[in-house]
Amino acid sequence: MHRGLDLPLSEISWRATTSGGPGGQHANRTLSRVEVWFDVDASQTLGPRQRARLLHQIGPIVRASASESRSQSRNRELALHRLAVKVDAGLRVQPARAPTRPTKSSQVRRVDGKRRRSQTKKQRRPPGEDD
């Protein structure tokens, strides 16, 4: 998780359902798809700034699911990992962009390109149209 943030399993809810799509009797009868969710508002682990950031970035409930494996335990691991990735992404602070100025050579190239384009358009005009 994010910089030592460990969400206890007691704050994460989960549910097993049948996975959709083809697969015959095994997929129709086995509760192998796992959905996990984390209630940001009810969390005792998050600090006030982390809670506010997650609410703004993701919302009050963070959800993840997995149905790739035939095993419920493997799908639960995958779903928990995906949930951790979502929470981590929601807590990540993007560094502020340092403003930069265009270089002198890039300014010259830009103006030169504009000048060439202008000459091309002037040559397309019929003779006698001088502005």
Protein backbone atom coordinates (compact mmCIF):
# COMPACT_ATOMS: atom_id res chain seq x y z
CA MET A 1 0.00 0.00 0.00
CA HIS A 2 0.90 3.67 0.13
CA ARG A 3 3.93 4.57 2.27
CA GLY A 4 3.29 2.11 5.05
CA LEU A 5 -0.51 2.31 4.85
CA ASP A 6 -1.85 -1.15 5.61
CA LEU A 7 -5.60 -1.51 5.38
CA PRO A 8 -6.75 -4.16 7.84
CA LEU A 9 -8.90 -6.92 6.35
CA SER A 10 -11.60 -6.01 8.87
CA GLU A 11 -12.20 -2.76 6.93
CA ILE A 12 -12.47 -4.53 3.58
CA SER A 13 -15.73 -6.22 2.65
CA TRP A 14 -15.95 -8.95 0.07
CA ARG A 15 -18.51 -11.08 -1.73
CA ALA A 16 -18.23 -14.16 -3.93
CA THR A 17 -20.56 -14.64 -6.91
CA THR A 18 -20.76 -16.84 -9.96
CA SER A 19 -18.58 -15.59 -12.76
CA GLY A 20 -20.30 -14.66 -15.99
CA GLY A 21 -19.64 -15.83 -19.50
CA PRO A 22 -19.05 -19.32 -20.88
CA GLY A 23 -17.63 -22.10 -18.79
CA GLY A 24 -20.27 -24.78 -18.47
CA GLN A 25 -21.50 -26.20 -15.22
CA HIS A 26 -18.40 -25.29 -13.22
CA ALA A 27 -18.78 -21.54 -13.91
CA ASN A 28 -22.53 -21.65 -13.36
CA ARG A 29 -22.35 -23.39 -9.97
CA THR A 30 -19.09 -22.19 -8.40
CA LEU A 31 -18.85 -18.91 -6.50
CA SER A 32 -15.43 -18.08 -7.92
CA ARG A 33 -15.78 -14.37 -8.87
CA VAL A 34 -14.74 -12.13 -5.98
CA GLU A 35 -15.67 -8.50 -5.45
CA VAL A 36 -14.01 -6.47 -2.70
CA TRP A 37 -14.79 -2.96 -1.55
CA PHE A 38 -13.43 -0.46 0.93
CA ASP A 39 -15.60 2.17 2.62
CA VAL A 40 -13.49 5.34 2.79
CA ASP A 41 -15.88 7.16 5.15
CA ALA A 42 -16.00 4.36 7.72
CA SER A 43 -12.25 3.69 7.78
CA GLN A 44 -10.42 4.07 11.08
CA THR A 45 -7.02 3.61 9.42
CA LEU A 46 -7.03 6.66 7.17
CA GLY A 47 -6.05 10.08 8.41
CA PRO A 48 -8.22 13.11 7.65
CA ARG A 49 -6.06 14.25 4.72
CA GLN A 50 -5.90 10.76 3.23
CA ARG A 51 -9.66 10.36 3.60
CA ALA A 52 -10.32 13.72 1.93
CA ARG A 53 -7.94 12.88 -0.92
CA LEU A 54 -9.54 9.47 -1.56
CA LEU A 55 -13.05 10.93 -1.42
CA HIS A 56 -12.04 13.54 -3.98
CA GLN A 57 -10.08 11.20 -6.27
CA ILE A 58 -12.15 7.99 -6.17
CA GLY A 59 -15.31 8.48 -4.13
CA PRO A 60 -16.79 7.09 -0.92
CA ILE A 61 -16.35 3.43 -1.89
CA VAL A 62 -13.40 1.84 -3.68
CA ARG A 63 -14.30 -1.38 -5.53
CA ALA A 64 -12.32 -4.09 -7.30
CA SER A 65 -13.21 -7.52 -8.63
CA ALA A 66 -11.55 -10.55 -10.17
CA SER A 67 -12.90 -13.55 -12.04
CA GLU A 68 -9.92 -14.75 -14.09
CA SER A 69 -9.12 -17.83 -12.04
CA ARG A 70 -11.26 -20.88 -11.29
CA SER A 71 -10.12 -20.60 -7.67
CA GLN A 72 -12.00 -18.28 -5.32
CA SER A 73 -8.91 -17.80 -3.14
CA ARG A 74 -6.78 -16.75 -6.15
CA ASN A 75 -9.49 -14.35 -7.32
CA ARG A 76 -9.65 -12.91 -3.81
CA GLU A 77 -5.88 -12.27 -3.87
CA LEU A 78 -6.18 -10.62 -7.30
CA ALA A 79 -9.10 -8.44 -6.18
CA LEU A 80 -7.28 -7.36 -3.01
CA HIS A 81 -4.21 -6.47 -5.07
CA ARG A 82 -6.33 -4.41 -7.49
CA LEU A 83 -7.99 -2.65 -4.57
CA ALA A 84 -4.57 -1.81 -3.11
CA VAL A 85 -3.44 -0.42 -6.47
CA LYS A 86 -6.55 1.78 -6.71
CA VAL A 87 -6.13 3.11 -3.17
CA ASP A 88 -2.44 3.75 -3.79
CA ALA A 89 -3.21 5.62 -7.01
CA GLY A 90 -5.86 7.68 -5.21
CA LEU A 91 -3.43 8.70 -2.47
CA ARG A 92 -0.54 9.52 -4.82
CA VAL A 93 0.20 13.23 -5.06
CA GLN A 94 1.41 14.42 -8.44
CA PRO A 95 4.41 16.74 -8.19
CA ALA A 96 3.77 20.31 -9.25
CA ARG A 97 4.88 21.08 -12.78
CA ALA A 98 7.79 23.48 -12.96
CA PRO A 99 7.02 26.07 -15.65
CA THR A 100 9.58 26.26 -18.42
CA ARG A 101 10.25 28.79 -21.14
CA PRO A 102 10.73 27.94 -24.79
CA THR A 103 14.33 28.02 -25.94
CA LYS A 104 15.57 30.74 -28.26
CA SER A 105 16.10 28.24 -31.10
CA SER A 106 12.54 26.87 -30.74
CA GLN A 107 11.17 30.42 -30.93
CA VAL A 108 13.22 31.06 -34.07
CA ARG A 109 11.99 27.80 -35.65
CA ARG A 110 8.39 28.71 -34.89
CA VAL A 111 8.61 32.20 -36.36
CA ASP A 112 10.54 30.89 -39.38
CA GLY A 113 7.86 28.29 -40.05
CA LYS A 114 5.16 30.95 -39.83
CA ARG A 115 7.09 33.13 -42.26
CA ARG A 116 7.46 30.27 -44.77
CA ARG A 117 3.77 29.41 -44.51
CA SER A 118 2.86 33.05 -45.10
CA GLN A 119 5.04 33.16 -48.25
CA THR A 120 3.43 29.96 -49.55
CA LYS A 121 -0.05 31.45 -49.13
CA LYS A 122 0.99 34.75 -50.74
CA GLN A 123 2.25 32.87 -53.81
CA ARG A 124 -1.17 31.21 -54.22
CA ARG A 125 -2.96 34.55 -54.59
CA PRO A 126 -3.82 35.79 -58.05
CA PRO A 127 -1.54 38.55 -59.39
CA GLY A 128 -2.44 42.11 -58.50
CA GLU A 129 -3.81 41.39 -55.01
CA ASP A 130 -1.37 43.19 -52.74
CA ASP A 131 -2.46 43.97 -49.21
